[in-house]
């Protein structure tokens, strides 16, 4: 149905999508007495021939969002969860290829990490430590994220992380900046550099003819290079550190063409202890949560196109 076929003044329908958001699925894989956990938060968004449901309320082309929810849980059983990326690929392919009106599927996944609880010894009076392979503690580090988009022909996989808090207690300076009549910040030649990393990276895998990366290995390696760059860069600005983090990833991971970071500067200010007759020799700081400097940038492989949204909350 076109806008002009409707009575009255034409009003056009723009971009639209629908689906079921934040489906929490936990998959336990039992390898004998040893168990493994995958804990995901999966959001499904579908788009295609959806004009009629908006213009007239006809649901003839609508796959219920409840069905998309059920599909997430069924696929966890039928396909397992090898990685967040692979699980999202299975879902996206299914929705686009099984439903003619659906032309594009976008799957967003957050993965929450668990680690096995170390036991005491094999002489426990309750359960022998060598038998305990099913107890876990939720890791308090970053949240792994991924977004898979499929239009029936090509793929776009953007993965990343958020809530990864890192700090350098030295090897950071900030001086030589522009000063005007409103500038009160003192130049720093030895400061704390801390941030909460939100990062996304886009893979150059785009179709089924290419061999897909090892998603879990890629994530582990990207995180390693990112952290190494943060730790090993003698920083004169958070911008410099951001660039080095992205460049280290691009230079070491051939499967990635684009990296985008959003890095809030978690300011630490020296506390004035002189009123108490004490000298503060870069030892005691006030950790300010707001306001904060926000440093954001994209790092690209030469010849690559920037496609990760500027605002990572839209990804």
Protein backbone atom coordinates (compact mmCIF):
# COMPACT_ATOMS: atom_id res chain seq x y z
CA UNK A 1 0.00 0.00 0.00
CA UNK A 2 1.40 3.39 -0.95
CA UNK A 3 0.92 6.59 0.96
CA UNK A 4 -1.06 8.15 -1.92
CA UNK A 5 -3.60 5.27 -2.01
CA UNK A 6 -4.86 6.22 1.42
CA UNK A 7 -7.60 8.80 1.80
CA UNK A 8 -6.65 12.21 3.03
CA UNK A 9 -3.33 13.91 2.97
CA UNK A 10 -0.39 11.52 2.36
CA UNK A 11 1.77 10.83 5.40
CA UNK A 12 4.72 8.57 4.74
CA UNK A 13 5.94 5.75 6.96
CA UNK A 14 9.67 5.92 7.58
CA UNK A 15 12.16 3.38 8.88
CA UNK A 16 10.54 0.88 11.21
CA UNK A 17 11.34 -2.34 12.99
CA UNK A 18 9.89 -4.57 15.65
CA UNK A 19 10.90 -7.53 17.76
CA UNK A 20 11.41 -8.81 21.29
CA UNK A 21 14.03 -7.06 23.38
CA UNK A 22 16.19 -8.39 26.23
CA UNK A 23 15.45 -12.10 26.13
CA UNK A 24 17.55 -13.53 28.96
CA UNK A 25 18.75 -17.02 28.12
CA UNK A 26 21.15 -19.12 30.19
CA UNK A 27 22.48 -22.30 28.56
CA UNK A 28 24.10 -24.98 30.72
CA UNK A 29 26.28 -27.46 28.85
CA UNK A 30 26.91 -30.58 30.89
CA UNK A 31 30.15 -32.30 29.95
CA UNK A 32 29.90 -35.13 32.43
CA UNK A 33 30.46 -33.62 35.88
CA UNK A 34 31.94 -30.46 34.33
CA UNK A 35 29.41 -27.79 33.46
CA UNK A 36 29.77 -24.71 31.24
CA UNK A 37 27.61 -21.56 31.26
CA UNK A 38 26.59 -19.15 28.53
CA UNK A 39 24.53 -16.23 29.88
CA UNK A 40 23.08 -13.95 27.18
CA UNK A 41 20.71 -11.02 26.86
CA UNK A 42 19.34 -11.21 23.30
CA UNK A 43 17.36 -8.49 21.49
CA UNK A 44 15.74 -9.17 18.11
CA UNK A 45 14.68 -6.43 15.66
CA UNK A 46 13.06 -7.28 12.31
CA UNK A 47 12.12 -5.09 9.33
CA UNK A 48 10.68 -5.59 5.86
CA UNK A 49 7.22 -5.41 4.32
CA UNK A 50 5.49 -3.90 7.33
CA UNK A 51 3.55 -1.03 5.76
CA UNK A 52 0.12 -2.66 6.10
CA UNK A 53 0.37 -3.29 9.82
CA UNK A 54 1.11 0.40 10.33
CA UNK A 55 -1.41 1.81 7.83
CA UNK A 56 -4.36 -0.55 8.36
CA UNK A 57 -3.49 -2.76 11.31
CA UNK A 58 -3.28 -5.91 9.18
CA UNK A 59 -1.01 -8.47 10.85
CA UNK A 60 -0.69 -10.69 7.76
CA UNK A 61 3.09 -10.09 7.52
CA UNK A 62 3.78 -9.93 11.24
CA UNK A 63 5.69 -12.66 13.03
CA UNK A 64 4.64 -12.22 16.68
CA UNK A 65 7.34 -10.93 18.99
CA UNK A 66 6.44 -13.81 21.29
CA UNK A 67 7.53 -16.15 18.50
CA UNK A 68 10.88 -14.40 18.24
CA UNK A 69 11.31 -14.90 21.99
CA UNK A 70 10.49 -18.60 21.69
CA UNK A 71 12.94 -18.92 18.79
CA UNK A 72 15.77 -17.60 20.95
CA UNK A 73 15.17 -20.29 23.57
CA UNK A 74 14.61 -23.06 21.03
CA UNK A 75 17.80 -22.19 19.18
CA UNK A 76 19.75 -22.29 22.45
CA UNK A 77 18.72 -25.94 22.65
CA UNK A 78 18.87 -26.86 18.94
CA UNK A 79 22.09 -25.07 17.99
CA UNK A 80 23.73 -24.51 21.36
CA UNK A 81 25.64 -21.30 22.05
CA UNK A 82 29.17 -21.60 20.73
CA UNK A 83 29.67 -17.83 20.89
CA UNK A 84 27.45 -14.77 21.04
CA UNK A 85 28.33 -13.95 17.43
CA UNK A 86 27.58 -17.42 16.07
CA UNK A 87 24.31 -17.60 17.99
CA UNK A 88 23.26 -14.24 16.55
CA UNK A 89 24.17 -15.40 13.04
CA UNK A 90 21.94 -18.48 13.40
CA UNK A 91 19.03 -16.30 14.55
CA UNK A 92 19.44 -13.61 11.89
CA UNK A 93 19.68 -16.15 9.07
CA UNK A 94 16.58 -17.97 10.34
CA UNK A 95 14.34 -14.90 10.52
CA UNK A 96 15.32 -13.58 7.08
CA UNK A 97 15.24 -16.89 5.21
CA UNK A 98 12.15 -18.40 6.86
CA UNK A 99 9.81 -15.40 6.62
CA UNK A 100 9.34 -13.82 3.18
CA UNK A 101 8.13 -10.41 4.47
CA UNK A 102 11.21 -10.03 6.67
CA UNK A 103 14.10 -8.53 4.72
CA UNK A 104 16.47 -7.59 7.50
CA UNK A 105 17.23 -8.91 10.96
CA UNK A 106 19.34 -7.22 13.61
CA UNK A 107 20.39 -9.24 16.63
CA UNK A 108 21.98 -7.52 19.62
CA UNK A 109 23.53 -9.63 22.36
CA UNK A 110 25.11 -8.87 25.70
CA UNK A 111 27.09 -11.71 27.26
CA UNK A 112 27.72 -11.94 30.99
CA UNK A 113 30.82 -13.84 32.05
CA UNK A 114 31.06 -16.45 34.79
CA UNK A 115 34.14 -18.16 36.14
CA UNK A 116 34.39 -21.45 37.93
CA UNK A 117 34.74 -21.24 41.71
CA UNK A 118 38.04 -22.68 42.87
CA UNK A 119 37.54 -25.32 45.56
CA UNK A 120 39.63 -25.91 48.66
CA UNK A 121 40.92 -29.45 48.61
CA UNK A 122 39.86 -33.00 47.92
CA UNK A 123 39.41 -33.77 51.62
CA UNK A 124 36.25 -31.71 52.07
CA UNK A 125 33.81 -33.39 54.42
CA UNK A 126 30.98 -32.28 52.15
CA UNK A 127 31.82 -32.75 48.47
CA UNK A 128 35.25 -33.69 47.19
CA UNK A 129 36.85 -30.71 45.47
CA UNK A 130 37.75 -32.88 42.51
CA UNK A 131 34.02 -33.47 41.99
CA UNK A 132 32.98 -29.81 41.98
CA UNK A 133 32.83 -28.53 38.41
CA UNK A 134 29.46 -26.84 38.57
CA UNK A 135 29.89 -23.81 40.82
CA UNK A 136 30.47 -20.34 39.36
CA UNK A 137 30.85 -16.71 40.36
CA UNK A 138 29.71 -13.86 38.11
CA UNK A 139 32.72 -11.90 36.90
CA UNK A 140 32.61 -8.24 37.79
CA UNK A 141 34.52 -7.06 34.75
CA UNK A 142 33.22 -6.03 31.36
CA UNK A 143 30.06 -6.99 29.51
CA UNK A 144 30.70 -8.48 26.08
CA UNK A 145 28.38 -7.23 23.33
CA UNK A 146 27.71 -8.00 19.67
CA UNK A 147 25.33 -6.90 16.93
CA UNK A 148 24.63 -9.06 13.88
CA UNK A 149 22.77 -7.61 10.90
CA UNK A 150 21.65 -9.69 7.90
CA UNK A 151 19.64 -8.64 4.84
CA UNK A 152 19.56 -11.96 3.01
CA UNK A 153 22.74 -11.21 1.05
CA UNK A 154 25.42 -9.77 3.30
CA UNK A 155 26.37 -9.74 6.96
CA UNK A 156 27.64 -7.07 9.28
CA UNK A 157 29.09 -8.17 12.60
CA UNK A 158 30.07 -5.53 15.15
CA UNK A 159 31.31 -6.79 18.51
CA UNK A 160 32.72 -5.08 21.54
CA UNK A 161 32.55 -4.54 25.26
CA UNK A 162 31.40 -2.03 27.85
CA UNK A 163 31.92 -1.31 31.54
CA UNK A 164 35.62 -2.25 31.47
CA UNK A 165 37.26 0.01 34.07
CA UNK A 166 41.03 0.45 33.73
CA UNK A 167 43.59 2.66 35.46
CA UNK A 168 47.23 3.69 35.15
CA UNK A 169 48.51 5.09 38.44
CA UNK A 170 51.42 6.85 36.68
CA UNK A 171 53.00 7.32 33.23
CA UNK A 172 50.34 9.88 32.34
CA UNK A 173 50.67 13.64 31.88
CA UNK A 174 48.46 16.48 30.69
CA UNK A 175 49.98 19.86 29.92
CA UNK A 176 50.57 22.35 27.11
CA UNK A 177 46.84 22.80 26.46
CA UNK A 178 45.02 25.98 25.44
CA UNK A 179 44.36 28.37 28.31
CA UNK A 180 41.93 31.26 28.49
CA UNK A 181 40.49 33.41 31.26
CA UNK A 182 38.23 30.55 32.40
CA UNK A 183 40.99 27.94 32.69
CA UNK A 184 41.75 26.86 36.24
CA UNK A 185 43.09 23.34 35.64
CA UNK A 186 46.71 22.94 36.64
CA UNK A 187 49.12 21.19 34.33
CA UNK A 188 49.90 17.64 35.43
CA UNK A 189 53.19 15.87 34.88
CA UNK A 190 52.33 12.73 36.84
CA UNK A 191 48.66 11.86 37.11
CA UNK A 192 46.23 8.96 37.37
CA UNK A 193 44.67 7.99 34.06
CA UNK A 194 41.45 6.01 34.46
CA UNK A 195 38.53 5.31 32.16
CA UNK A 196 35.58 2.98 31.65
CA UNK A 197 36.02 1.52 28.20
CA UNK A 198 33.11 1.21 25.82
CA UNK A 199 34.40 -0.12 22.52
CA UNK A 200 33.07 -1.65 19.32
CA UNK A 201 34.92 -3.23 16.42
CA UNK A 202 33.60 -4.16 12.97
CA UNK A 203 34.63 -7.38 11.27
CA UNK A 204 35.35 -7.52 7.54
CA UNK A 205 33.47 -10.83 7.30
CA UNK A 206 30.44 -10.03 5.13
CA UNK A 207 29.19 -13.21 3.46
CA UNK A 208 28.95 -16.96 3.86
CA UNK A 209 31.56 -17.55 1.16
CA UNK A 210 34.23 -16.20 3.51
CA UNK A 211 35.55 -18.21 6.39
CA UNK A 212 34.16 -16.73 9.57
CA UNK A 213 36.60 -15.75 12.32
CA UNK A 214 36.95 -17.70 15.53
CA UNK A 215 34.71 -15.30 17.42
CA UNK A 216 35.78 -16.18 20.97
CA UNK A 217 39.49 -16.17 20.13
CA UNK A 218 39.11 -12.86 18.32
CA UNK A 219 37.42 -11.28 21.34
CA UNK A 220 40.12 -12.51 23.70
CA UNK A 221 42.89 -11.23 21.43
CA UNK A 222 41.26 -7.84 20.84
CA UNK A 223 40.84 -7.33 24.57
CA UNK A 224 44.47 -8.37 25.14
CA UNK A 225 45.84 -5.90 22.57
CA UNK A 226 43.57 -3.16 23.89
CA UNK A 227 44.76 -3.62 27.47
CA UNK A 228 48.41 -3.93 26.45
CA UNK A 229 48.17 -0.65 24.55
CA UNK A 230 46.54 1.07 27.51
CA UNK A 231 49.20 -0.19 29.90
CA UNK A 232 52.22 0.35 27.64
CA UNK A 233 51.44 3.81 26.27
CA UNK A 234 53.15 6.66 28.09
CA UNK A 235 50.17 8.94 27.81
CA UNK A 236 50.24 12.67 27.18
CA UNK A 237 46.47 12.67 26.60
CA UNK A 238 43.60 10.20 26.73
CA UNK A 239 43.16 10.81 23.00
CA UNK A 240 46.67 9.49 22.38
CA UNK A 241 45.93 6.39 24.45
CA UNK A 242 42.64 5.80 22.61
CA UNK A 243 44.39 5.94 19.25
CA UNK A 244 47.08 3.52 20.37
CA UNK A 245 44.44 1.09 21.63
CA UNK A 246 42.63 1.13 18.29
CA UNK A 247 45.82 1.01 16.23
CA UNK A 248 47.13 -1.99 18.18
CA UNK A 249 43.91 -3.86 17.38
CA UNK A 250 43.92 -2.96 13.67
CA UNK A 251 47.60 -3.85 13.29
CA UNK A 252 47.26 -7.24 14.99
CA UNK A 253 43.80 -8.47 13.99
CA UNK A 254 43.37 -8.84 10.22
CA UNK A 255 39.67 -9.66 10.59
CA UNK A 256 38.85 -6.17 11.94
CA UNK A 257 38.63 -2.98 9.85
CA UNK A 258 37.15 -0.44 12.24
CA UNK A 259 37.30 0.27 15.98
CA UNK A 260 35.38 2.93 17.87
CA UNK A 261 35.92 3.87 21.50
CA UNK A 262 34.00 6.01 23.95
CA UNK A 263 36.25 6.76 26.93
CA UNK A 264 35.00 8.86 29.84
CA UNK A 265 37.91 10.32 31.76
CA UNK A 266 37.40 9.14 35.34
CA UNK A 267 39.09 12.11 37.00
CA UNK A 268 41.20 11.68 40.11
CA UNK A 269 42.16 14.93 41.82
CA UNK A 270 44.85 15.32 44.46
CA UNK A 271 43.34 16.16 47.83
CA UNK A 272 44.70 19.27 49.54
CA UNK A 273 46.03 17.97 52.86
CA UNK A 274 47.96 21.11 53.82
CA UNK A 275 45.19 22.34 56.19
CA UNK A 276 45.97 19.25 58.26
CA UNK A 277 49.72 19.79 58.18
CA UNK A 278 50.20 16.88 55.77
CA UNK A 279 52.01 16.66 52.46
CA UNK A 280 50.22 14.87 49.65
CA UNK A 281 52.96 13.41 47.48
CA UNK A 282 50.72 11.94 44.76
CA UNK A 283 49.19 9.52 47.23
CA UNK A 284 45.65 10.58 48.17
CA UNK A 285 43.09 11.41 45.49
CA UNK A 286 39.43 12.36 45.26
CA UNK A 287 37.67 10.19 42.65
CA UNK A 288 35.11 12.43 40.92
CA UNK A 289 32.28 10.68 39.10
CA UNK A 290 30.91 13.79 37.34
CA UNK A 291 31.26 15.91 35.36
CA UNK A 292 33.78 14.03 33.28
CA UNK A 293 35.68 14.51 30.05
CA UNK A 294 34.38 12.24 27.30
CA UNK A 295 36.84 11.20 24.61
CA UNK A 296 35.48 9.41 21.52
CA UNK A 297 37.03 8.46 18.20
CA UNK A 298 37.09 5.88 15.41
CA UNK A 299 40.29 4.16 14.24
CA UNK A 300 40.18 2.67 10.73
CA UNK A 301 42.21 0.37 8.56
CA UNK A 302 43.52 2.31 5.56
CA UNK A 303 40.82 2.24 2.86
CA UNK A 304 38.04 1.14 5.22
CA UNK A 305 34.77 3.04 5.63
CA UNK A 306 33.51 4.18 9.03
CA UNK A 307 30.17 2.49 9.71
CA UNK A 308 29.99 2.13 13.50
CA UNK A 309 27.54 4.76 14.86
CA UNK A 310 29.11 7.78 16.55
CA UNK A 311 26.81 7.21 19.53
CA UNK A 312 27.56 3.68 20.72
CA UNK A 313 24.28 3.57 22.66
CA UNK A 314 22.60 3.31 19.24
CA UNK A 315 24.46 0.08 18.51
